[in-house]
């Protein structure tokens, strides 16, 4: 069975570690929080799509991931509040 889902990101072929290092190690925490919020929203959308296709197990797992990403975003928001005064000096 052929998949429509790529296995690499253009311009980051075989360099996902580099992308991860940039997101986690270079971006400000408020932007990383925004990224995780967007991931949460996208996983929720994919969950709804899978549910509509009659794939309840996939839908459930995607919904779980969405909730984890939302919690990650909330925690990063708290971290940003701690770090913001030091970064914006």
PDB file of N, CA and C in Angstrom:
ATOM      1  N   UNK A   1       0.832  -1.180   0.000  1.00  0.00           N
ATOM      2  CA  UNK A   1       0.000   0.000   0.000  1.00  0.00           C
ATOM      3  C   UNK A   1       0.882   1.250   0.000  1.00  0.00           C
ATOM      4  N   UNK A   2       0.596   2.154  -0.858  1.00  0.00           N
ATOM      5  CA  UNK A   2       1.379   3.383  -0.991  1.00  0.00           C
ATOM      6  C   UNK A   2       0.793   4.489  -0.117  1.00  0.00           C
ATOM      7  N   UNK A   3       1.654   5.260   0.521  1.00  0.00           N
ATOM      8  CA  UNK A   3       1.219   6.315   1.421  1.00  0.00           C
ATOM      9  C   UNK A   3       1.415   7.686   0.790  1.00  0.00           C
ATOM     10  N   UNK A   4       0.493   8.585   1.072  1.00  0.00           N
ATOM     11  CA  UNK A   4       0.612   9.972   0.614  1.00  0.00           C
ATOM     12  C   UNK A   4       1.382  10.826   1.610  1.00  0.00           C
ATOM     13  N   UNK A   5       1.873  10.210   2.661  1.00  0.00           N
ATOM     14  CA  UNK A   5       2.570  10.945   3.705  1.00  0.00           C
ATOM     15  C   UNK A   5       4.084  10.837   3.488  1.00  0.00           C
ATOM     16  N   UNK A   6       4.761  11.988   3.325  1.00  0.00           N
ATOM     17  CA  UNK A   6       6.210  11.943   3.131  1.00  0.00           C
ATOM     18  C   UNK A   6       6.926  11.482   4.398  1.00  0.00           C
ATOM     19  N   UNK A   7       8.124  11.035   4.237  1.00  0.00           N
ATOM     20  CA  UNK A   7       8.930  10.593   5.374  1.00  0.00           C
ATOM     21  C   UNK A   7      10.022  11.596   5.729  1.00  0.00           C
ATOM     22  N   UNK A   8      10.129  12.667   4.963  1.00  0.00           N
ATOM     23  CA  UNK A   8      11.125  13.708   5.231  1.00  0.00           C
ATOM     24  C   UNK A   8      10.525  15.079   4.982  1.00  0.00           C
ATOM     25  N   UNK A   9      11.107  16.093   5.602  1.00  0.00           N
ATOM     26  CA  UNK A   9      10.683  17.476   5.419  1.00  0.00           C
ATOM     27  C   UNK A   9      11.626  18.129   4.420  1.00  0.00           C
ATOM     28  N   UNK A  10      11.084  18.764   3.371  1.00  0.00           N
ATOM     29  CA  UNK A  10      11.960  19.436   2.411  1.00  0.00           C
ATOM     30  C   UNK A  10      12.928  20.390   3.107  1.00  0.00           C
ATOM     31  N   UNK A  11      14.144  20.397   2.669  1.00  0.00           N
ATOM     32  CA  UNK A  11      15.268  21.185   3.192  1.00  0.00           C
ATOM     33  C   UNK A  11      15.769  20.659   4.538  1.00  0.00           C
ATOM     34  N   UNK A  12      15.134  19.625   5.074  1.00  0.00           N
ATOM     35  CA  UNK A  12      15.594  19.016   6.321  1.00  0.00           C
ATOM     36  C   UNK A  12      15.738  17.506   6.163  1.00  0.00           C
ATOM     37  N   UNK A  13      15.914  17.058   4.937  1.00  0.00           N
ATOM     38  CA  UNK A  13      16.049  15.634   4.689  1.00  0.00           C
ATOM     39  C   UNK A  13      17.130  15.046   5.591  1.00  0.00           C
ATOM     40  N   UNK A  14      16.757  14.037   6.330  1.00  0.00           N
ATOM     41  CA  UNK A  14      17.668  13.323   7.226  1.00  0.00           C
ATOM     42  C   UNK A  14      18.292  14.238   8.277  1.00  0.00           C
ATOM     43  N   UNK A  15      17.633  15.393   8.562  1.00  0.00           N
ATOM     44  CA  UNK A  15      18.181  16.337   9.535  1.00  0.00           C
ATOM     45  C   UNK A  15      17.108  16.783  10.522  1.00  0.00           C
ATOM     46  N   UNK A  16      16.242  15.884  10.904  1.00  0.00           N
ATOM     47  CA  UNK A  16      15.207  16.251  11.870  1.00  0.00           C
ATOM     48  C   UNK A  16      15.804  16.677  13.208  1.00  0.00           C
ATOM     49  N   UNK A  17      16.967  16.124  13.539  1.00  0.00           N
ATOM     50  CA  UNK A  17      17.642  16.534  14.775  1.00  0.00           C
ATOM     51  C   UNK A  17      17.984  18.018  14.721  1.00  0.00           C
ATOM     52  N   UNK A  18      18.425  18.489  13.573  1.00  0.00           N
ATOM     53  CA  UNK A  18      18.758  19.907  13.404  1.00  0.00           C
ATOM     54  C   UNK A  18      17.514  20.775  13.581  1.00  0.00           C
ATOM     55  N   UNK A  19      16.407  20.342  13.015  1.00  0.00           N
ATOM     56  CA  UNK A  19      15.154  21.083  13.161  1.00  0.00           C
ATOM     57  C   UNK A  19      14.718  21.099  14.627  1.00  0.00           C
ATOM     58  N   UNK A  20      14.796  19.967  15.285  1.00  0.00           N
ATOM     59  CA  UNK A  20      14.439  19.868  16.697  1.00  0.00           C
ATOM     60  C   UNK A  20      15.338  20.761  17.544  1.00  0.00           C
ATOM     61  N   UNK A  21      16.629  20.725  17.279  1.00  0.00           N
ATOM     62  CA  UNK A  21      17.567  21.561  18.033  1.00  0.00           C
ATOM     63  C   UNK A  21      17.244  23.041  17.860  1.00  0.00           C
ATOM     64  N   UNK A  22      16.821  23.431  16.667  1.00  0.00           N
ATOM     65  CA  UNK A  22      16.481  24.829  16.430  1.00  0.00           C
ATOM     66  C   UNK A  22      15.222  25.214  17.204  1.00  0.00           C
ATOM     67  N   UNK A  23      14.184  24.389  17.103  1.00  0.00           N
ATOM     68  CA  UNK A  23      12.917  24.700  17.769  1.00  0.00           C
ATOM     69  C   UNK A  23      13.101  24.752  19.278  1.00  0.00           C
ATOM     70  N   UNK A  24      13.746  23.749  19.845  1.00  0.00           N
ATOM     71  CA  UNK A  24      13.868  23.660  21.303  1.00  0.00           C
ATOM     72  C   UNK A  24      15.019  24.499  21.836  1.00  0.00           C
ATOM     73  N   UNK A  25      16.118  24.558  21.104  1.00  0.00           N
ATOM     74  CA  UNK A  25      17.312  25.203  21.623  1.00  0.00           C
ATOM     75  C   UNK A  25      17.509  26.659  21.242  1.00  0.00           C
ATOM     76  N   UNK A  26      16.812  27.123  20.207  1.00  0.00           N
ATOM     77  CA  UNK A  26      17.047  28.490  19.740  1.00  0.00           C
ATOM     78  C   UNK A  26      15.828  29.404  19.860  1.00  0.00           C
ATOM     79  N   UNK A  27      14.642  28.882  19.558  1.00  0.00           N
ATOM     80  CA  UNK A  27      13.451  29.726  19.613  1.00  0.00           C
ATOM     81  C   UNK A  27      13.134  30.137  21.039  1.00  0.00           C
ATOM     82  N   UNK A  28      12.569  31.325  21.189  1.00  0.00           N
ATOM     83  CA  UNK A  28      12.090  31.740  22.503  1.00  0.00           C
ATOM     84  C   UNK A  28      10.958  30.827  22.923  1.00  0.00           C
ATOM     85  N   UNK A  29      10.796  30.665  24.244  1.00  0.00           N
ATOM     86  CA  UNK A  29       9.789  29.743  24.752  1.00  0.00           C
ATOM     87  C   UNK A  29       8.371  30.136  24.344  1.00  0.00           C
ATOM     88  N   UNK A  30       8.094  31.428  24.167  1.00  0.00           N
ATOM     89  CA  UNK A  30       6.751  31.814  23.740  1.00  0.00           C
ATOM     90  C   UNK A  30       6.461  31.317  22.328  1.00  0.00           C
ATOM     91  N   UNK A  31       7.479  31.277  21.480  1.00  0.00           N
ATOM     92  CA  UNK A  31       7.296  30.775  20.117  1.00  0.00           C
ATOM     93  C   UNK A  31       7.223  29.255  20.086  1.00  0.00           C
ATOM     94  N   UNK A  32       7.958  28.604  20.974  1.00  0.00           N
ATOM     95  CA  UNK A  32       7.869  27.136  21.081  1.00  0.00           C
ATOM     96  C   UNK A  32       6.479  26.770  21.603  1.00  0.00           C
ATOM     97  N   UNK A  33       5.963  27.562  22.539  1.00  0.00           N
ATOM     98  CA  UNK A  33       4.606  27.356  23.056  1.00  0.00           C
ATOM     99  C   UNK A  33       3.592  27.481  21.923  1.00  0.00           C
ATOM    100  N   UNK A  34       3.753  28.488  21.094  1.00  0.00           N
ATOM    101  CA  UNK A  34       2.857  28.686  19.955  1.00  0.00           C
ATOM    102  C   UNK A  34       2.916  27.491  18.998  1.00  0.00           C
ATOM    103  N   UNK A  35       4.116  26.982  18.774  1.00  0.00           N
ATOM    104  CA  UNK A  35       4.310  25.821  17.912  1.00  0.00           C
ATOM    105  C   UNK A  35       3.537  24.608  18.458  1.00  0.00           C
ATOM    106  N   UNK A  36       3.648  24.373  19.762  1.00  0.00           N
ATOM    107  CA  UNK A  36       2.945  23.236  20.356  1.00  0.00           C
ATOM    108  C   UNK A  36       1.436  23.433  20.340  1.00  0.00           C
ATOM    109  N   UNK A  37       0.979  24.667  20.477  1.00  0.00           N
ATOM    110  CA  UNK A  37      -0.456  24.954  20.363  1.00  0.00           C
ATOM    111  C   UNK A  37      -0.933  24.629  18.953  1.00  0.00           C
ATOM    112  N   UNK A  38      -0.160  25.009  17.955  1.00  0.00           N
ATOM    113  CA  UNK A  38      -0.514  24.697  16.569  1.00  0.00           C
ATOM    114  C   UNK A  38      -0.520  23.190  16.332  1.00  0.00           C
ATOM    115  N   UNK A  39       0.448  22.485  16.920  1.00  0.00           N
ATOM    116  CA  UNK A  39       0.454  21.024  16.816  1.00  0.00           C
ATOM    117  C   UNK A  39      -0.807  20.448  17.448  1.00  0.00           C
ATOM    118  N   UNK A  40      -1.176  20.938  18.614  1.00  0.00           N
ATOM    119  CA  UNK A  40      -2.383  20.463  19.284  1.00  0.00           C
ATOM    120  C   UNK A  40      -3.607  20.649  18.391  1.00  0.00           C
ATOM    121  N   UNK A  41      -3.740  21.832  17.829  1.00  0.00           N
ATOM    122  CA  UNK A  41      -4.878  22.119  16.950  1.00  0.00           C
ATOM    123  C   UNK A  41      -4.887  21.187  15.738  1.00  0.00           C
ATOM    124  N   UNK A  42      -3.715  20.967  15.173  1.00  0.00           N
ATOM    125  CA  UNK A  42      -3.623  20.131  13.978  1.00  0.00           C
ATOM    126  C   UNK A  42      -3.935  18.669  14.294  1.00  0.00           C
ATOM    127  N   UNK A  43      -3.421  18.155  15.421  1.00  0.00           N
ATOM    128  CA  UNK A  43      -3.726  16.775  15.804  1.00  0.00           C
ATOM    129  C   UNK A  43      -5.223  16.608  16.078  1.00  0.00           C
ATOM    130  N   UNK A  44      -5.859  17.616  16.655  1.00  0.00           N
ATOM    131  CA  UNK A  44      -7.292  17.546  16.882  1.00  0.00           C
ATOM    132  C   UNK A  44      -8.043  17.484  15.550  1.00  0.00           C
ATOM    133  N   UNK A  45      -7.618  18.290  14.596  1.00  0.00           N
ATOM    134  CA  UNK A  45      -8.221  18.260  13.261  1.00  0.00           C
ATOM    135  C   UNK A  45      -8.057  16.881  12.625  1.00  0.00           C
ATOM    136  N   UNK A  46      -6.860  16.321  12.723  1.00  0.00           N
ATOM    137  CA  UNK A  46      -6.618  14.986  12.162  1.00  0.00           C
ATOM    138  C   UNK A  46      -7.455  13.938  12.877  1.00  0.00           C
ATOM    139  N   UNK A  47      -7.656  14.095  14.180  1.00  0.00           N
ATOM    140  CA  UNK A  47      -8.504  13.184  14.944  1.00  0.00           C
ATOM    141  C   UNK A  47      -9.930  13.209  14.402  1.00  0.00           C
ATOM    142  N   UNK A  48     -10.420  14.410  14.157  1.00  0.00           N
ATOM    143  CA  UNK A  48     -11.776  14.551  13.630  1.00  0.00           C
ATOM    144  C   UNK A  48     -11.899  13.937  12.231  1.00  0.00           C
ATOM    145  N   UNK A  49     -10.868  14.105  11.424  1.00  0.00           N
ATOM    146  CA  UNK A  49     -10.868  13.506  10.082  1.00  0.00           C
ATOM    147  C   UNK A  49     -10.925  11.984  10.168  1.00  0.00           C
ATOM    148  N   UNK A  50     -10.104  11.419  11.060  1.00  0.00           N
ATOM    149  CA  UNK A  50     -10.077   9.962  11.207  1.00  0.00           C
ATOM    150  C   UNK A  50     -11.412   9.445  11.732  1.00  0.00           C
ATOM    151  N   UNK A  51     -12.012  10.182  12.639  1.00  0.00           N
ATOM    152  CA  UNK A  51     -13.328   9.790  13.145  1.00  0.00           C
ATOM    153  C   UNK A  51     -14.347   9.775  12.003  1.00  0.00           C
ATOM    154  N   UNK A  52     -14.280  10.798  11.158  1.00  0.00           N
ATOM    155  CA  UNK A  52     -15.179  10.884  10.007  1.00  0.00           C
ATOM    156  C   UNK A  52     -14.978   9.766   8.995  1.00  0.00           C
ATOM    157  N   UNK A  53     -13.777   9.217   8.953  1.00  0.00           N
ATOM    158  CA  UNK A  53     -13.467   8.104   8.051  1.00  0.00           C
ATOM    159  C   UNK A  53     -13.845   6.756   8.660  1.00  0.00           C
ATOM    160  N   UNK A  54     -14.326   6.779   9.898  1.00  0.00           N
ATOM    161  CA  UNK A  54     -14.684   5.538  10.569  1.00  0.00           C
ATOM    162  C   UNK A  54     -13.501   4.815  11.180  1.00  0.00           C
ATOM    163  N   UNK A  55     -12.496   5.585  11.615  1.00  0.00           N
ATOM    164  CA  UNK A  55     -11.304   5.024  12.258  1.00  0.00           C
ATOM    165  C   UNK A  55     -11.246   5.488  13.717  1.00  0.00           C
ATOM    166  N   UNK A  56     -12.084   4.918  14.581  1.00  0.00           N
ATOM    167  CA  UNK A  56     -12.157   5.416  15.960  1.00  0.00           C
ATOM    168  C   UNK A  56     -10.874   5.232  16.765  1.00  0.00           C
ATOM    169  N   UNK A  57     -10.136   4.167  16.537  1.00  0.00           N
ATOM    170  CA  UNK A  57      -8.895   3.955  17.298  1.00  0.00           C
ATOM    171  C   UNK A  57      -7.856   5.008  16.949  1.00  0.00           C
ATOM    172  N   UNK A  58      -7.690   5.289  15.663  1.00  0.00           N
ATOM    173  CA  UNK A  58      -6.749   6.333  15.239  1.00  0.00           C
ATOM    174  C   UNK A  58      -7.214   7.691  15.755  1.00  0.00           C
ATOM    175  N   UNK A  59      -8.512   7.938  15.676  1.00  0.00           N
ATOM    176  CA  UNK A  59      -9.070   9.198  16.163  1.00  0.00           C
ATOM    177  C   UNK A  59      -8.771   9.394  17.641  1.00  0.00           C
ATOM    178  N   UNK A  60      -8.949   8.343  18.421  1.00  0.00           N
ATOM    179  CA  UNK A  60      -8.700   8.421  19.867  1.00  0.00           C
ATOM    180  C   UNK A  60      -7.242   8.740  20.153  1.00  0.00           C
ATOM    181  N   UNK A  61      -6.326   8.072  19.471  1.00  0.00           N
ATOM    182  CA  UNK A  61      -4.891   8.301  19.709  1.00  0.00           C
ATOM    183  C   UNK A  61      -4.500   9.727  19.305  1.00  0.00           C
ATOM    184  N   UNK A  62      -5.006  10.200  18.183  1.00  0.00           N
ATOM    185  CA  UNK A  62      -4.699  11.560  17.740  1.00  0.00           C
ATOM    186  C   UNK A  62      -5.260  12.588  18.724  1.00  0.00           C
ATOM    187  N   UNK A  63      -6.429  12.307  19.270  1.00  0.00           N
ATOM    188  CA  UNK A  63      -7.013  13.189  20.285  1.00  0.00           C
ATOM    189  C   UNK A  63      -6.144  13.222  21.544  1.00  0.00           C
ATOM    190  N   UNK A  64      -5.619  12.064  21.931  1.00  0.00           N
ATOM    191  CA  UNK A  64      -4.722  12.001  23.091  1.00  0.00           C
ATOM    192  C   UNK A  64      -3.469  12.846  22.852  1.00  0.00           C
ATOM    193  N   UNK A  65      -2.907  12.734  21.654  1.00  0.00           N
ATOM    194  CA  UNK A  65      -1.717  13.526  21.312  1.00  0.00           C
ATOM    195  C   UNK A  65      -2.050  15.012  21.365  1.00  0.00           C
ATOM    196  N   UNK A  66      -3.210  15.381  20.854  1.00  0.00           N
ATOM    197  CA  UNK A  66      -3.639  16.781  20.887  1.00  0.00           C
ATOM    198  C   UNK A  66      -3.675  17.308  22.319  1.00  0.00           C
ATOM    199  N   UNK A  67      -4.201  16.507  23.235  1.00  0.00           N
ATOM    200  CA  UNK A  67      -4.279  16.921  24.635  1.00  0.00           C
ATOM    201  C   UNK A  67      -2.889  17.065  25.251  1.00  0.00           C
ATOM    202  N   UNK A  68      -1.996  16.155  24.912  1.00  0.00           N
ATOM    203  CA  UNK A  68      -0.617  16.236  25.424  1.00  0.00           C
ATOM    204  C   UNK A  68       0.070  17.492  24.896  1.00  0.00           C
ATOM    205  N   UNK A  69      -0.111  17.782  23.612  1.00  0.00           N
ATOM    206  CA  UNK A  69       0.489  18.993  23.035  1.00  0.00           C
ATOM    207  C   UNK A  69      -0.089  20.252  23.676  1.00  0.00           C
ATOM    208  N   UNK A  70      -1.379  20.231  23.972  1.00  0.00           N
ATOM    209  CA  UNK A  70      -2.007  21.390  24.626  1.00  0.00           C
ATOM    210  C   UNK A  70      -1.416  21.594  26.017  1.00  0.00           C
ATOM    211  N   UNK A  71      -1.207  20.496  26.746  1.00  0.00           N
ATOM    212  CA  UNK A  71      -0.593  20.586  28.075  1.00  0.00           C
ATOM    213  C   UNK A  71       0.851  21.083  27.961  1.00  0.00           C
ATOM    214  N   UNK A  72       1.568  20.606  26.959  1.00  0.00           N
ATOM    215  CA  UNK A  72       2.935  21.073  26.732  1.00  0.00           C
ATOM    216  C   UNK A  72       2.938  22.576  26.473  1.00  0.00           C
ATOM    217  N   UNK A  73       1.989  23.046  25.663  1.00  0.00           N
ATOM    218  CA  UNK A  73       1.895  24.476  25.376  1.00  0.00           C
ATOM    219  C   UNK A  73       1.626  25.271  26.652  1.00  0.00           C
ATOM    220  N   UNK A  74       0.740  24.763  27.499  1.00  0.00           N
ATOM    221  CA  UNK A  74       0.447  25.458  28.766  1.00  0.00           C
ATOM    222  C   UNK A  74       1.684  25.526  29.660  1.00  0.00           C
ATOM    223  N   UNK A  75       2.419  24.433  29.729  1.00  0.00           N
ATOM    224  CA  UNK A  75       3.618  24.404  30.562  1.00  0.00           C
ATOM    225  C   UNK A  75       4.682  25.347  30.000  1.00  0.00           C
ATOM    226  N   UNK A  76       4.824  25.381  28.687  1.00  0.00           N
ATOM    227  CA  UNK A  76       5.779  26.307  28.069  1.00  0.00           C
ATOM    228  C   UNK A  76       5.377  27.758  28.310  1.00  0.00           C
ATOM    229  N   UNK A  77       4.089  28.022  28.346  1.00  0.00           N
ATOM    230  CA  UNK A  77       3.616  29.373  28.645  1.00  0.00           C
ATOM    231  C   UNK A  77       4.046  29.778  30.060  1.00  0.00           C
ATOM    232  N   UNK A  78       3.943  28.852  31.013  1.00  0.00           N
ATOM    233  CA  UNK A  78       4.397  29.122  32.382  1.00  0.00           C
ATOM    234  C   UNK A  78       5.908  29.343  32.417  1.00  0.00           C
ATOM    235  N   UNK A  79       6.633  28.552  31.651  1.00  0.00           N
ATOM    236  CA  UNK A  79       8.087  28.706  31.580  1.00  0.00           C
ATOM    237  C   UNK A  79       8.450  30.063  30.990  1.00  0.00           C
ATOM    238  N   UNK A  80       7.719  30.480  29.968  1.00  0.00           N
ATOM    239  CA  UNK A  80       7.978  31.778  29.345  1.00  0.00           C
ATOM    240  C   UNK A  80       7.772  32.909  30.352  1.00  0.00           C
ATOM    241  N   UNK A  81       6.748  32.805  31.185  1.00  0.00           N
ATOM    242  CA  UNK A  81       6.500  33.846  32.189  1.00  0.00           C
ATOM    243  C   UNK A  81       7.669  33.959  33.159  1.00  0.00           C
ATOM    244  N   UNK A  82       8.325  32.826  33.449  1.00  0.00           N
ATOM    245  CA  UNK A  82       9.487  32.841  34.339  1.00  0.00           C
ATOM    246  C   UNK A  82      10.683  33.489  33.625  1.00  0.00           C
ATOM    247  N   UNK A  83      10.897  33.146  32.362  1.00  0.00           N
ATOM    248  CA  UNK A  83      12.100  33.566  31.626  1.00  0.00           C
ATOM    249  C   UNK A  83      11.980  34.944  30.985  1.00  0.00           C
ATOM    250  N   UNK A  84      10.770  35.380  30.692  1.00  0.00           N
ATOM    251  CA  UNK A  84      10.557  36.627  29.957  1.00  0.00           C
ATOM    252  C   UNK A  84      11.270  37.836  30.561  1.00  0.00           C
ATOM    253  N   UNK A  85      11.188  38.053  31.878  1.00  0.00           N
ATOM    254  CA  UNK A  85      11.860  39.237  32.429  1.00  0.00           C
ATOM    255  C   UNK A  85      13.369  39.255  32.184  1.00  0.00           C
ATOM    256  N   UNK A  86      13.982  38.091  32.117  1.00  0.00           N
ATOM    257  CA  UNK A  86      15.428  38.013  31.902  1.00  0.00           C
ATOM    258  C   UNK A  86      15.802  38.179  30.445  1.00  0.00           C
ATOM    259  N   UNK A  87      14.930  37.762  29.574  1.00  0.00           N
ATOM    260  CA  UNK A  87      15.211  37.819  28.137  1.00  0.00           C
ATOM    261  C   UNK A  87      14.961  39.220  27.585  1.00  0.00           C
ATOM    262  N   UNK A  88      13.960  39.900  28.119  1.00  0.00           N
ATOM    263  CA  UNK A  88      13.591  41.205  27.589  1.00  0.00           C
ATOM    264  C   UNK A  88      14.289  42.369  28.297  1.00  0.00           C
ATOM    265  N   UNK A  89      15.399  42.105  28.968  1.00  0.00           N
ATOM    266  CA  UNK A  89      16.163  43.180  29.633  1.00  0.00           C
ATOM    267  C   UNK A  89      16.961  43.955  28.622  1.00  0.00           C
TER     268      UNK A  89
END
